[in-house]
Amino acid sequence: MEHNSEKKVKYGFYGYLTERFPSQINVDVTNRCNLSCIHCPHSVEDYHKNNPVIYLDESLNKKMVDEVATYGKGCVQYIRYTADGEPLLHPKIYEMLLYAKENSGAVVTLTTNGTLLNEKNLDKLIKSNIDVIDISIDAHYKETYEKIRVGGSFEKVVNNVLNLLKRRGEFKDGIKIMVSFVEQEFNRQEKEKFIEFWTESGVDNVVIRPLHSVGGSVEEIAVQMNANSDESVRKPCIYPWERILLNSDGNLHYCPVSFGKNDIIADYRTNNIFKIWSGEMYNDLRKAHLKHSFENYPLCKGCPDWKNICWPGESGTNYSEIIDKLKKDEC
């Protein structure tokens, strides 16, 4: 195992990672979803019974955007609208995207399953003028898609994305379009065909993501990952140095893949990101990761996903570097 002093050289605030303010803000606008993907907690029995539907209060989105504009200038790379579900199910999502685009000064991105990108909603999305959209598809063939993305229509999603590509010129500031593929047992053999099809179709990036357990939430995947993990080479997770999550419950969370587990930092209604980011709790969390000492952070202790999380410059899928390259390609 690396000594702590060596870890501090390799892991910490450097590159785009800033001590003053998180470089990325994740906004989970709802825990409601219209699919039950097999690699997601929505496929877990009793998830919906134990988690009533909630939507992020629009006023908290405004507060976050205003805070980014005030304190995050030069720090925040992007605001990523996503969800513990499907963000386009939020009744005010287009208004929230537009407010962020017009007022934050940051790149605004949306991650969606693409099922709701019909003509009517695409008209609204065009008005929001966001910078990047990332559509999760995970398959090249209909049969594979329906096995992984349970409840979705392969033809509908593909046609929605192709239509988005046709209409991309209607976005006032232009838009970068990504499609993503979570590599797993059921789709691995069609990865190259997926890349080829969408590259030829004109998307700006095809992202191949490694399978992860969503912070241990999908037990079957967590068991598999833990069986193949070597804790002696565990590295710190980048998230405490990189991003913060505004959850649909109105709380700030330190893990963007926790699905509402015990990782609440503070109630955002009575706190702000600027103070919390450089505060005692976050600094303690960072020390825990550097020391590999998680007694106070059971979510981190039991999480096997560290092996699939990349720091700046490491090989693998680093979302921040993907966004940075997409924006540079515009120049």
C-alpha atoms as a PDB file:
ATOM      1  CA  MET A   1       0.000   0.000   0.000  1.00  0.00           C
ATOM      2  CA  GLU A   2       1.260   3.546  -0.748  1.00  0.00           C
ATOM      3  CA  HIS A   3       2.333   5.635   2.217  1.00  0.00           C
ATOM      4  CA  ASN A   4       0.060   8.583   3.055  1.00  0.00           C
ATOM      5  CA  SER A   5       2.752  11.096   2.041  1.00  0.00           C
ATOM      6  CA  GLU A   6       2.948   9.490  -1.414  1.00  0.00           C
ATOM      7  CA  LYS A   7      -0.841   9.593  -1.745  1.00  0.00           C
ATOM      8  CA  LYS A   8      -0.906  13.310  -0.962  1.00  0.00           C
ATOM      9  CA  VAL A   9       1.396  13.926  -3.911  1.00  0.00           C
ATOM     10  CA  LYS A  10      -0.716  11.845  -6.276  1.00  0.00           C
ATOM     11  CA  TYR A  11      -4.174  12.572  -4.866  1.00  0.00           C
ATOM     12  CA  GLY A  12      -5.472  15.964  -3.817  1.00  0.00           C
ATOM     13  CA  PHE A  13      -6.291  19.363  -5.295  1.00  0.00           C
ATOM     14  CA  TYR A  14      -4.501  19.714  -8.631  1.00  0.00           C
ATOM     15  CA  GLY A  15      -5.373  20.292 -12.262  1.00  0.00           C
ATOM     16  CA  TYR A  16      -9.025  21.278 -12.489  1.00  0.00           C
ATOM     17  CA  LEU A  17      -9.680  20.212  -8.858  1.00  0.00           C
ATOM     18  CA  THR A  18     -10.026  23.288  -6.659  1.00  0.00           C
ATOM     19  CA  GLU A  19     -10.052  23.799  -2.904  1.00  0.00           C
ATOM     20  CA  ARG A  20     -12.290  26.862  -3.105  1.00  0.00           C
ATOM     21  CA  PHE A  21     -15.362  25.299  -4.726  1.00  0.00           C
ATOM     22  CA  PRO A  22     -16.289  21.943  -6.313  1.00  0.00           C
ATOM     23  CA  SER A  23     -15.450  21.705  -9.995  1.00  0.00           C
ATOM     24  CA  GLN A  24     -18.637  19.746 -10.626  1.00  0.00           C
ATOM     25  CA  ILE A  25     -22.145  20.083  -9.255  1.00  0.00           C
ATOM     26  CA  ASN A  26     -24.396  17.069  -9.695  1.00  0.00           C
ATOM     27  CA  VAL A  27     -28.110  17.793  -9.449  1.00  0.00           C
ATOM     28  CA  ASP A  28     -30.378  14.803  -8.883  1.00  0.00           C
ATOM     29  CA  VAL A  29     -33.758  16.313  -9.634  1.00  0.00           C
ATOM     30  CA  THR A  30     -35.945  13.277  -8.850  1.00  0.00           C
ATOM     31  CA  ASN A  31     -35.815   9.680  -7.674  1.00  0.00           C
ATOM     32  CA  ARG A  32     -38.625   8.721 -10.055  1.00  0.00           C
ATOM     33  CA  CYS A  33     -37.818   6.627 -13.138  1.00  0.00           C
ATOM     34  CA  ASN A  34     -39.719   5.064 -16.017  1.00  0.00           C
ATOM     35  CA  LEU A  35     -37.210   2.200 -16.456  1.00  0.00           C
ATOM     36  CA  SER A  36     -35.792  -0.556 -14.248  1.00  0.00           C
ATOM     37  CA  CYS A  37     -32.273  -1.065 -15.602  1.00  0.00           C
ATOM     38  CA  ILE A  38     -30.609  -4.194 -14.274  1.00  0.00           C
ATOM     39  CA  HIS A  39     -27.487  -2.322 -13.114  1.00  0.00           C
ATOM     40  CA  CYS A  40     -29.513   0.290 -11.218  1.00  0.00           C
ATOM     41  CA  PRO A  41     -31.185   0.275  -7.768  1.00  0.00           C
ATOM     42  CA  HIS A  42     -34.543   0.790  -9.498  1.00  0.00           C
ATOM     43  CA  SER A  43     -34.354  -2.892 -10.405  1.00  0.00           C
ATOM     44  CA  VAL A  44     -33.933  -3.905  -6.753  1.00  0.00           C
ATOM     45  CA  GLU A  45     -36.996  -5.413  -5.104  1.00  0.00           C
ATOM     46  CA  ASP A  46     -38.820  -3.028  -2.731  1.00  0.00           C
ATOM     47  CA  TYR A  47     -36.843   0.031  -3.919  1.00  0.00           C
ATOM     48  CA  HIS A  48     -39.998   1.902  -4.918  1.00  0.00           C
ATOM     49  CA  LYS A  49     -41.918   0.805  -1.835  1.00  0.00           C
ATOM     50  CA  ASN A  50     -39.165   2.127   0.422  1.00  0.00           C
ATOM     51  CA  ASN A  51     -38.513   5.338  -1.521  1.00  0.00           C
ATOM     52  CA  PRO A  52     -41.541   7.554  -2.171  1.00  0.00           C
ATOM     53  CA  VAL A  53     -41.246   9.829  -5.203  1.00  0.00           C
ATOM     54  CA  ILE A  54     -39.704  13.244  -4.577  1.00  0.00           C
ATOM     55  CA  TYR A  55     -38.795  16.182  -6.813  1.00  0.00           C
ATOM     56  CA  LEU A  56     -36.167  18.828  -6.198  1.00  0.00           C
ATOM     57  CA  ASP A  57     -37.697  22.157  -5.197  1.00  0.00           C
ATOM     58  CA  GLU A  58     -37.119  24.631  -8.023  1.00  0.00           C
ATOM     59  CA  SER A  59     -36.049  27.297  -5.514  1.00  0.00           C
ATOM     60  CA  LEU A  60     -33.099  25.134  -4.432  1.00  0.00           C
ATOM     61  CA  ASN A  61     -31.981  24.846  -8.038  1.00  0.00           C
ATOM     62  CA  LYS A  62     -32.049  28.642  -8.257  1.00  0.00           C
ATOM     63  CA  LYS A  63     -30.071  28.926  -5.017  1.00  0.00           C
ATOM     64  CA  MET A  64     -27.430  26.517  -6.334  1.00  0.00           C
ATOM     65  CA  VAL A  65     -27.117  28.294  -9.686  1.00  0.00           C
ATOM     66  CA  ASP A  66     -26.810  31.685  -7.997  1.00  0.00           C
ATOM     67  CA  GLU A  67     -24.136  30.297  -5.680  1.00  0.00           C
ATOM     68  CA  VAL A  68     -22.188  28.907  -8.634  1.00  0.00           C
ATOM     69  CA  ALA A  69     -22.381  32.322 -10.307  1.00  0.00           C
ATOM     70  CA  THR A  70     -21.164  34.062  -7.128  1.00  0.00           C
ATOM     71  CA  TYR A  71     -18.498  31.699  -5.790  1.00  0.00           C
ATOM     72  CA  GLY A  72     -17.794  29.167  -8.518  1.00  0.00           C
ATOM     73  CA  LYS A  73     -16.422  31.375 -11.282  1.00  0.00           C
ATOM     74  CA  GLY A  74     -13.218  29.815 -12.569  1.00  0.00           C
ATOM     75  CA  CYS A  75     -13.851  26.684 -10.492  1.00  0.00           C
ATOM     76  CA  VAL A  76     -17.011  24.990 -11.725  1.00  0.00           C
ATOM     77  CA  GLN A  77     -16.508  23.097 -14.961  1.00  0.00           C
ATOM     78  CA  TYR A  78     -20.102  22.052 -15.308  1.00  0.00           C
ATOM     79  CA  ILE A  79     -23.463  21.524 -13.644  1.00  0.00           C
ATOM     80  CA  ARG A  80     -24.713  18.039 -14.431  1.00  0.00           C
ATOM     81  CA  TYR A  81     -28.469  17.481 -14.297  1.00  0.00           C
ATOM     82  CA  THR A  82     -29.180  13.847 -13.672  1.00  0.00           C
ATOM     83  CA  ALA A  83     -31.282  11.882 -11.201  1.00  0.00           C
ATOM     84  CA  ASP A  84     -31.707   8.839  -9.037  1.00  0.00           C
ATOM     85  CA  GLY A  85     -34.121   8.209 -11.879  1.00  0.00           C
ATOM     86  CA  GLU A  86     -35.016  10.064 -15.096  1.00  0.00           C
ATOM     87  CA  PRO A  87     -34.560  13.870 -14.910  1.00  0.00           C
ATOM     88  CA  LEU A  88     -37.042  14.634 -17.691  1.00  0.00           C
ATOM     89  CA  LEU A  89     -39.813  13.391 -15.389  1.00  0.00           C
ATOM     90  CA  HIS A  90     -39.370  16.488 -13.212  1.00  0.00           C
ATOM     91  CA  PRO A  91     -42.255  18.848 -14.091  1.00  0.00           C
ATOM     92  CA  LYS A  92     -39.938  21.906 -14.018  1.00  0.00           C
ATOM     93  CA  ILE A  93     -36.794  20.413 -15.540  1.00  0.00           C
ATOM     94  CA  TYR A  94     -36.738  22.635 -18.636  1.00  0.00           C
ATOM     95  CA  GLU A  95     -37.138  25.794 -16.567  1.00  0.00           C
ATOM     96  CA  MET A  96     -34.322  24.658 -14.256  1.00  0.00           C
ATOM     97  CA  LEU A  97     -32.020  23.912 -17.189  1.00  0.00           C
ATOM     98  CA  LEU A  98     -32.735  27.298 -18.754  1.00  0.00           C
ATOM     99  CA  TYR A  99     -32.075  29.139 -15.490  1.00  0.00           C
ATOM    100  CA  ALA A 100     -28.757  27.336 -15.082  1.00  0.00           C
ATOM    101  CA  LYS A 101     -27.718  28.045 -18.662  1.00  0.00           C
ATOM    102  CA  GLU A 102     -28.590  31.735 -18.469  1.00  0.00           C
ATOM    103  CA  ASN A 103     -27.223  32.483 -15.002  1.00  0.00           C
ATOM    104  CA  SER A 104     -24.522  30.064 -13.810  1.00  0.00           C
ATOM    105  CA  GLY A 105     -21.661  30.864 -16.160  1.00  0.00           C
ATOM    106  CA  ALA A 106     -20.900  27.119 -16.222  1.00  0.00           C
ATOM    107  CA  VAL A 107     -21.352  24.402 -18.817  1.00  0.00           C
ATOM    108  CA  VAL A 108     -24.777  22.779 -18.336  1.00  0.00           C
ATOM    109  CA  THR A 109     -25.192  19.080 -19.093  1.00  0.00           C
ATOM    110  CA  LEU A 110     -28.119  16.665 -18.990  1.00  0.00           C
ATOM    111  CA  THR A 111     -27.988  12.882 -18.573  1.00  0.00           C
ATOM    112  CA  THR A 112     -31.146  11.080 -19.701  1.00  0.00           C
ATOM    113  CA  ASN A 113     -32.365   7.677 -20.846  1.00  0.00           C
ATOM    114  CA  GLY A 114     -33.784   9.312 -23.977  1.00  0.00           C
ATOM    115  CA  THR A 115     -37.238   7.749 -23.748  1.00  0.00           C
ATOM    116  CA  LEU A 116     -38.966  11.117 -23.313  1.00  0.00           C
ATOM    117  CA  LEU A 117     -37.134  13.045 -26.043  1.00  0.00           C
ATOM    118  CA  ASN A 118     -40.210  13.313 -28.270  1.00  0.00           C
ATOM    119  CA  GLU A 119     -40.852  16.337 -30.508  1.00  0.00           C
ATOM    120  CA  LYS A 120     -42.716  18.297 -27.842  1.00  0.00           C
ATOM    121  CA  ASN A 121     -40.024  17.813 -25.206  1.00  0.00           C
ATOM    122  CA  LEU A 122     -37.252  18.382 -27.718  1.00  0.00           C
ATOM    123  CA  ASP A 123     -38.777  21.785 -28.503  1.00  0.00           C
ATOM    124  CA  LYS A 124     -38.523  22.631 -24.785  1.00  0.00           C
ATOM    125  CA  LEU A 125     -34.986  21.296 -24.565  1.00  0.00           C
ATOM    126  CA  ILE A 126     -33.914  23.435 -27.519  1.00  0.00           C
ATOM    127  CA  LYS A 127     -35.250  26.522 -25.718  1.00  0.00           C
ATOM    128  CA  SER A 128     -33.219  25.607 -22.630  1.00  0.00           C
ATOM    129  CA  ASN A 129     -30.092  25.843 -24.822  1.00  0.00           C
ATOM    130  CA  ILE A 130     -28.004  23.413 -22.739  1.00  0.00           C
ATOM    131  CA  ASP A 131     -24.416  22.642 -23.730  1.00  0.00           C
ATOM    132  CA  VAL A 132     -24.201  18.839 -23.556  1.00  0.00           C
ATOM    133  CA  ILE A 133     -26.663  15.947 -23.512  1.00  0.00           C
ATOM    134  CA  ASP A 134     -25.656  12.395 -22.579  1.00  0.00           C
ATOM    135  CA  ILE A 135     -28.099   9.622 -23.530  1.00  0.00           C
ATOM    136  CA  SER A 136     -27.760   6.230 -21.834  1.00  0.00           C
ATOM    137  CA  ILE A 137     -28.471   3.394 -24.293  1.00  0.00           C
ATOM    138  CA  ASP A 138     -26.212   0.438 -23.370  1.00  0.00           C
ATOM    139  CA  ALA A 139     -26.966  -1.758 -26.386  1.00  0.00           C
ATOM    140  CA  HIS A 140     -26.691  -2.058 -30.151  1.00  0.00           C
ATOM    141  CA  TYR A 141     -29.488  -4.601 -30.518  1.00  0.00           C
ATOM    142  CA  LYS A 142     -33.130  -4.416 -29.469  1.00  0.00           C
ATOM    143  CA  GLU A 143     -33.033  -7.720 -27.570  1.00  0.00           C
ATOM    144  CA  THR A 144     -30.026  -6.649 -25.514  1.00  0.00           C
ATOM    145  CA  TYR A 145     -31.506  -3.222 -24.814  1.00  0.00           C
ATOM    146  CA  GLU A 146     -34.737  -4.705 -23.493  1.00  0.00           C
ATOM    147  CA  LYS A 147     -32.820  -7.148 -21.306  1.00  0.00           C
ATOM    148  CA  ILE A 148     -30.755  -4.349 -19.723  1.00  0.00           C
ATOM    149  CA  ARG A 149     -33.072  -1.320 -19.862  1.00  0.00           C
ATOM    150  CA  VAL A 150     -36.247  -2.991 -18.694  1.00  0.00           C
ATOM    151  CA  GLY A 151     -39.383  -1.070 -19.640  1.00  0.00           C
ATOM    152  CA  GLY A 152     -37.795   0.919 -22.462  1.00  0.00           C
ATOM    153  CA  SER A 153     -38.385   0.885 -26.216  1.00  0.00           C
ATOM    154  CA  PHE A 154     -35.193   0.504 -28.241  1.00  0.00           C
ATOM    155  CA  GLU A 155     -36.726   1.834 -31.455  1.00  0.00           C
ATOM    156  CA  LYS A 156     -38.169   4.884 -29.711  1.00  0.00           C
ATOM    157  CA  VAL A 157     -34.870   5.829 -28.062  1.00  0.00           C
ATOM    158  CA  VAL A 158     -32.803   5.348 -31.224  1.00  0.00           C
ATOM    159  CA  ASN A 159     -35.279   7.411 -33.260  1.00  0.00           C
ATOM    160  CA  ASN A 160     -35.346  10.110 -30.577  1.00  0.00           C
ATOM    161  CA  VAL A 161     -31.558  10.430 -30.655  1.00  0.00           C
ATOM    162  CA  LEU A 162     -31.401  10.433 -34.458  1.00  0.00           C
ATOM    163  CA  ASN A 163     -34.035  13.184 -34.490  1.00  0.00           C
ATOM    164  CA  LEU A 164     -32.033  15.137 -31.913  1.00  0.00           C
ATOM    165  CA  LEU A 165     -29.014  14.884 -34.206  1.00  0.00           C
ATOM    166  CA  LYS A 166     -31.088  16.256 -37.100  1.00  0.00           C
ATOM    167  CA  ARG A 167     -32.277  19.209 -35.022  1.00  0.00           C
ATOM    168  CA  ARG A 168     -29.047  19.996 -33.190  1.00  0.00           C
ATOM    169  CA  GLY A 169     -28.574  23.155 -35.255  1.00  0.00           C
ATOM    170  CA  GLU A 170     -31.637  24.684 -33.571  1.00  0.00           C
ATOM    171  CA  PHE A 171     -29.767  25.041 -30.268  1.00  0.00           C
ATOM    172  CA  LYS A 172     -28.712  28.694 -30.185  1.00  0.00           C
ATOM    173  CA  ASP A 173     -25.218  28.045 -28.803  1.00  0.00           C
ATOM    174  CA  GLY A 174     -24.848  24.586 -30.326  1.00  0.00           C
ATOM    175  CA  ILE A 175     -25.020  21.324 -28.378  1.00  0.00           C
ATOM    176  CA  LYS A 176     -22.673  18.388 -27.923  1.00  0.00           C
ATOM    177  CA  ILE A 177     -24.384  14.991 -28.082  1.00  0.00           C
ATOM    178  CA  MET A 178     -23.035  11.910 -26.317  1.00  0.00           C
ATOM    179  CA  VAL A 179     -24.334   8.367 -26.067  1.00  0.00           C
ATOM    180  CA  SER A 180     -23.182   5.969 -23.376  1.00  0.00           C
ATOM    181  CA  PHE A 181     -22.795   2.235 -22.921  1.00  0.00           C
ATOM    182  CA  VAL A 182     -22.311   0.561 -19.535  1.00  0.00           C
ATOM    183  CA  GLU A 183     -20.222  -2.471 -20.428  1.00  0.00           C
ATOM    184  CA  GLN A 184     -21.432  -5.693 -18.824  1.00  0.00           C
ATOM    185  CA  GLU A 185     -21.965  -9.387 -19.450  1.00  0.00           C
ATOM    186  CA  PHE A 186     -25.028  -8.994 -21.690  1.00  0.00           C
ATOM    187  CA  ASN A 187     -23.689  -6.360 -24.092  1.00  0.00           C
ATOM    188  CA  ARG A 188     -19.916  -6.744 -24.233  1.00  0.00           C
ATOM    189  CA  GLN A 189     -19.947  -8.548 -27.577  1.00  0.00           C
ATOM    190  CA  GLU A 190     -21.740  -5.657 -29.318  1.00  0.00           C
ATOM    191  CA  LYS A 191     -19.640  -2.781 -27.957  1.00  0.00           C
ATOM    192  CA  GLU A 192     -17.720  -2.207 -31.197  1.00  0.00           C
ATOM    193  CA  LYS A 193     -20.897  -2.189 -33.296  1.00  0.00           C
ATOM    194  CA  PHE A 194     -22.415   0.339 -30.859  1.00  0.00           C
ATOM    195  CA  ILE A 195     -19.386   2.613 -31.226  1.00  0.00           C
ATOM    196  CA  GLU A 196     -19.389   2.279 -35.015  1.00  0.00           C
ATOM    197  CA  PHE A 197     -23.118   2.964 -35.445  1.00  0.00           C
ATOM    198  CA  TRP A 198     -23.253   6.063 -33.268  1.00  0.00           C
ATOM    199  CA  THR A 199     -19.967   7.489 -34.536  1.00  0.00           C
ATOM    200  CA  GLU A 200     -21.243   7.198 -38.103  1.00  0.00           C
ATOM    201  CA  SER A 201     -24.569   8.728 -37.007  1.00  0.00           C
ATOM    202  CA  GLY A 202     -22.746  11.893 -35.957  1.00  0.00           C
ATOM    203  CA  VAL A 203     -22.643  11.956 -32.160  1.00  0.00           C
ATOM    204  CA  ASP A 204     -19.750  13.889 -30.646  1.00  0.00           C
ATOM    205  CA  ASN A 205     -18.680  11.193 -28.217  1.00  0.00           C
ATOM    206  CA  VAL A 206     -19.415   7.552 -27.465  1.00  0.00           C
ATOM    207  CA  VAL A 207     -18.710   6.826 -23.806  1.00  0.00           C
ATOM    208  CA  ILE A 208     -17.983   3.269 -22.694  1.00  0.00           C
ATOM    209  CA  ARG A 209     -18.496   3.120 -18.946  1.00  0.00           C
ATOM    210  CA  PRO A 210     -17.391   0.319 -16.616  1.00  0.00           C
ATOM    211  CA  LEU A 211     -20.058  -1.475 -14.630  1.00  0.00           C
ATOM    212  CA  HIS A 212     -20.263  -0.362 -11.006  1.00  0.00           C
ATOM    213  CA  SER A 213     -22.456  -1.157  -8.031  1.00  0.00           C
ATOM    214  CA  VAL A 214     -23.879   2.361  -7.448  1.00  0.00           C
ATOM    215  CA  GLY A 215     -22.100   2.673  -4.126  1.00  0.00           C
ATOM    216  CA  GLY A 216     -22.981  -0.899  -3.211  1.00  0.00           C
ATOM    217  CA  SER A 217     -26.707  -0.369  -3.850  1.00  0.00           C
ATOM    218  CA  VAL A 218     -26.912  -3.195  -6.393  1.00  0.00           C
ATOM    219  CA  GLU A 219     -25.819  -6.050  -4.168  1.00  0.00           C
ATOM    220  CA  GLU A 220     -25.234  -8.641  -6.883  1.00  0.00           C
ATOM    221  CA  ILE A 221     -22.788  -6.348  -8.696  1.00  0.00           C
ATOM    222  CA  ALA A 222     -21.136  -5.296  -5.422  1.00  0.00           C
ATOM    223  CA  VAL A 223     -20.497  -8.934  -4.494  1.00  0.00           C
ATOM    224  CA  GLN A 224     -18.873  -9.580  -7.881  1.00  0.00           C
ATOM    225  CA  MET A 225     -16.711  -6.469  -7.649  1.00  0.00           C
ATOM    226  CA  ASN A 226     -15.627  -7.162  -4.065  1.00  0.00           C
ATOM    227  CA  ALA A 227     -14.630 -10.690  -5.032  1.00  0.00           C
ATOM    228  CA  ASN A 228     -12.219  -9.223  -7.582  1.00  0.00           C
ATOM    229  CA  SER A 229     -10.959  -6.332  -5.429  1.00  0.00           C
ATOM    230  CA  ASP A 230      -7.580  -5.996  -3.751  1.00  0.00           C
ATOM    231  CA  GLU A 231      -8.011  -3.563  -0.851  1.00  0.00           C
ATOM    232  CA  SER A 232      -4.235  -3.314  -0.450  1.00  0.00           C
ATOM    233  CA  VAL A 233      -4.054  -1.223  -3.629  1.00  0.00           C
ATOM    234  CA  ARG A 234      -7.188   0.818  -2.976  1.00  0.00           C
ATOM    235  CA  LYS A 235      -6.845   4.437  -4.044  1.00  0.00           C
ATOM    236  CA  PRO A 236      -8.800   7.421  -2.706  1.00  0.00           C
ATOM    237  CA  CYS A 237     -12.068   8.194  -4.466  1.00  0.00           C
ATOM    238  CA  ILE A 238     -11.887  11.414  -6.470  1.00  0.00           C
ATOM    239  CA  TYR A 239     -15.370  12.594  -5.508  1.00  0.00           C
ATOM    240  CA  PRO A 240     -14.447  14.395  -2.224  1.00  0.00           C
ATOM    241  CA  TRP A 241     -12.016  16.549  -4.223  1.00  0.00           C
ATOM    242  CA  GLU A 242     -14.153  16.964  -7.310  1.00  0.00           C
ATOM    243  CA  ARG A 243     -17.908  17.163  -6.861  1.00  0.00           C
ATOM    244  CA  ILE A 244     -20.883  17.619  -4.605  1.00  0.00           C
ATOM    245  CA  LEU A 245     -24.454  16.404  -5.081  1.00  0.00           C
ATOM    246  CA  LEU A 246     -27.651  18.378  -4.603  1.00  0.00           C
ATOM    247  CA  ASN A 247     -30.200  15.625  -4.129  1.00  0.00           C
ATOM    248  CA  SER A 248     -33.919  15.752  -4.852  1.00  0.00           C
ATOM    249  CA  ASP A 249     -34.496  15.551  -1.080  1.00  0.00           C
ATOM    250  CA  GLY A 250     -33.003  19.049  -0.719  1.00  0.00           C
ATOM    251  CA  ASN A 251     -29.870  17.802   1.008  1.00  0.00           C
ATOM    252  CA  LEU A 252     -26.256  18.025  -0.060  1.00  0.00           C
ATOM    253  CA  HIS A 253     -24.595  14.614  -0.377  1.00  0.00           C
ATOM    254  CA  TYR A 254     -20.919  13.773  -0.748  1.00  0.00           C
ATOM    255  CA  CYS A 255     -21.443  10.753  -3.017  1.00  0.00           C
ATOM    256  CA  PRO A 256     -23.087  11.225  -6.435  1.00  0.00           C
ATOM    257  CA  VAL A 257     -23.936   7.511  -6.712  1.00  0.00           C
ATOM    258  CA  SER A 258     -25.232   6.880  -3.201  1.00  0.00           C
ATOM    259  CA  PHE A 259     -28.933   6.755  -4.133  1.00  0.00           C
ATOM    260  CA  GLY A 260     -29.838   8.591  -0.914  1.00  0.00           C
ATOM    261  CA  LYS A 261     -27.846   6.401   1.435  1.00  0.00           C
ATOM    262  CA  ASN A 262     -26.212   7.720   4.606  1.00  0.00           C
ATOM    263  CA  ASP A 263     -24.012  10.341   2.976  1.00  0.00           C
ATOM    264  CA  ILE A 264     -25.921  13.531   3.769  1.00  0.00           C
ATOM    265  CA  ILE A 265     -23.646  16.476   4.526  1.00  0.00           C
ATOM    266  CA  ALA A 266     -26.211  19.168   5.232  1.00  0.00           C
ATOM    267  CA  ASP A 267     -29.667  20.491   4.467  1.00  0.00           C
ATOM    268  CA  TYR A 268     -29.149  22.891   1.557  1.00  0.00           C
ATOM    269  CA  ARG A 269     -32.097  25.002   2.664  1.00  0.00           C
ATOM    270  CA  THR A 270     -30.037  26.292   5.599  1.00  0.00           C
ATOM    271  CA  ASN A 271     -26.468  25.888   4.305  1.00  0.00           C
ATOM    272  CA  ASN A 272     -24.333  26.725   1.298  1.00  0.00           C
ATOM    273  CA  ILE A 273     -21.854  24.837  -0.851  1.00  0.00           C
ATOM    274  CA  PHE A 274     -19.068  27.410  -0.536  1.00  0.00           C
ATOM    275  CA  LYS A 275     -18.653  26.969   3.228  1.00  0.00           C
ATOM    276  CA  ILE A 276     -19.248  23.224   3.261  1.00  0.00           C
ATOM    277  CA  TRP A 277     -16.673  22.471   0.555  1.00  0.00           C
ATOM    278  CA  SER A 278     -13.808  23.844   2.648  1.00  0.00           C
ATOM    279  CA  GLY A 279     -15.375  22.883   5.984  1.00  0.00           C
ATOM    280  CA  GLU A 280     -14.468  20.357   8.641  1.00  0.00           C
ATOM    281  CA  MET A 281     -16.634  17.501   7.377  1.00  0.00           C
ATOM    282  CA  TYR A 282     -15.246  17.491   3.832  1.00  0.00           C
ATOM    283  CA  ASN A 283     -11.672  17.800   5.054  1.00  0.00           C
ATOM    284  CA  ASP A 284     -12.230  14.864   7.400  1.00  0.00           C
ATOM    285  CA  LEU A 285     -13.679  12.816   4.532  1.00  0.00           C
ATOM    286  CA  ARG A 286     -10.627  13.576   2.387  1.00  0.00           C
ATOM    287  CA  LYS A 287      -8.281  12.532   5.183  1.00  0.00           C
ATOM    288  CA  ALA A 288     -10.233   9.289   5.586  1.00  0.00           C
ATOM    289  CA  HIS A 289      -9.672   8.489   1.922  1.00  0.00           C
ATOM    290  CA  LEU A 290      -5.985   9.372   2.045  1.00  0.00           C
ATOM    291  CA  LYS A 291      -5.496   7.204   5.125  1.00  0.00           C
ATOM    292  CA  HIS A 292      -7.825   4.446   3.937  1.00  0.00           C
ATOM    293  CA  SER A 293      -9.629   4.742   7.272  1.00  0.00           C
ATOM    294  CA  PHE A 294     -13.408   4.639   6.875  1.00  0.00           C
ATOM    295  CA  GLU A 295     -14.736   3.991  10.386  1.00  0.00           C
ATOM    296  CA  ASN A 296     -16.858   7.156  10.200  1.00  0.00           C
ATOM    297  CA  TYR A 297     -17.880   6.587   6.580  1.00  0.00           C
ATOM    298  CA  PRO A 298     -19.485   3.141   6.227  1.00  0.00           C
ATOM    299  CA  LEU A 299     -20.787   3.965   2.742  1.00  0.00           C
ATOM    300  CA  CYS A 300     -17.206   4.460   1.541  1.00  0.00           C
ATOM    301  CA  LYS A 301     -15.902   1.485   3.493  1.00  0.00           C
ATOM    302  CA  GLY A 302     -18.238  -0.959   1.775  1.00  0.00           C
ATOM    303  CA  CYS A 303     -18.069   0.605  -1.687  1.00  0.00           C
ATOM    304  CA  PRO A 304     -16.208  -1.393  -4.365  1.00  0.00           C
ATOM    305  CA  ASP A 305     -16.565   1.281  -7.046  1.00  0.00           C
ATOM    306  CA  TRP A 306     -13.249   3.030  -6.270  1.00  0.00           C
ATOM    307  CA  LYS A 307     -11.471   0.790  -8.796  1.00  0.00           C
ATOM    308  CA  ASN A 308     -13.525   2.257 -11.681  1.00  0.00           C
ATOM    309  CA  ILE A 309     -13.134   5.927 -10.730  1.00  0.00           C
ATOM    310  CA  CYS A 310     -10.407   7.900 -12.526  1.00  0.00           C
ATOM    311  CA  TRP A 311      -8.314  10.845 -11.399  1.00  0.00           C
ATOM    312  CA  PRO A 312      -7.112  13.493 -13.901  1.00  0.00           C
ATOM    313  CA  GLY A 313      -4.589  11.945 -16.264  1.00  0.00           C
ATOM    314  CA  GLU A 314      -5.405   8.339 -15.370  1.00  0.00           C
ATOM    315  CA  SER A 315      -6.548   6.002 -18.114  1.00  0.00           C
ATOM    316  CA  GLY A 316     -10.248   5.233 -18.108  1.00  0.00           C
ATOM    317  CA  THR A 317     -13.507   7.149 -18.271  1.00  0.00           C
ATOM    318  CA  ASN A 318     -13.242  10.562 -16.598  1.00  0.00           C
ATOM    319  CA  TYR A 319     -16.437  12.516 -17.226  1.00  0.00           C
ATOM    320  CA  SER A 320     -14.799  15.865 -16.565  1.00  0.00           C
ATOM    321  CA  GLU A 321     -12.097  15.285 -19.160  1.00  0.00           C
ATOM    322  CA  ILE A 322     -14.731  14.175 -21.693  1.00  0.00           C
ATOM    323  CA  ILE A 323     -16.692  17.411 -21.191  1.00  0.00           C
ATOM    324  CA  ASP A 324     -13.517  19.492 -21.339  1.00  0.00           C
ATOM    325  CA  LYS A 325     -12.520  17.917 -24.652  1.00  0.00           C
ATOM    326  CA  LEU A 326     -15.989  18.393 -26.121  1.00  0.00           C
ATOM    327  CA  LYS A 327     -15.950  22.092 -25.285  1.00  0.00           C
ATOM    328  CA  LYS A 328     -12.395  22.549 -26.617  1.00  0.00           C
ATOM    329  CA  ASP A 329     -13.425  20.903 -29.879  1.00  0.00           C
ATOM    330  CA  GLU A 330     -15.806  23.836 -30.411  1.00  0.00           C
ATOM    331  CA  CYS A 331     -12.932  26.301 -30.544  1.00  0.00           C
END
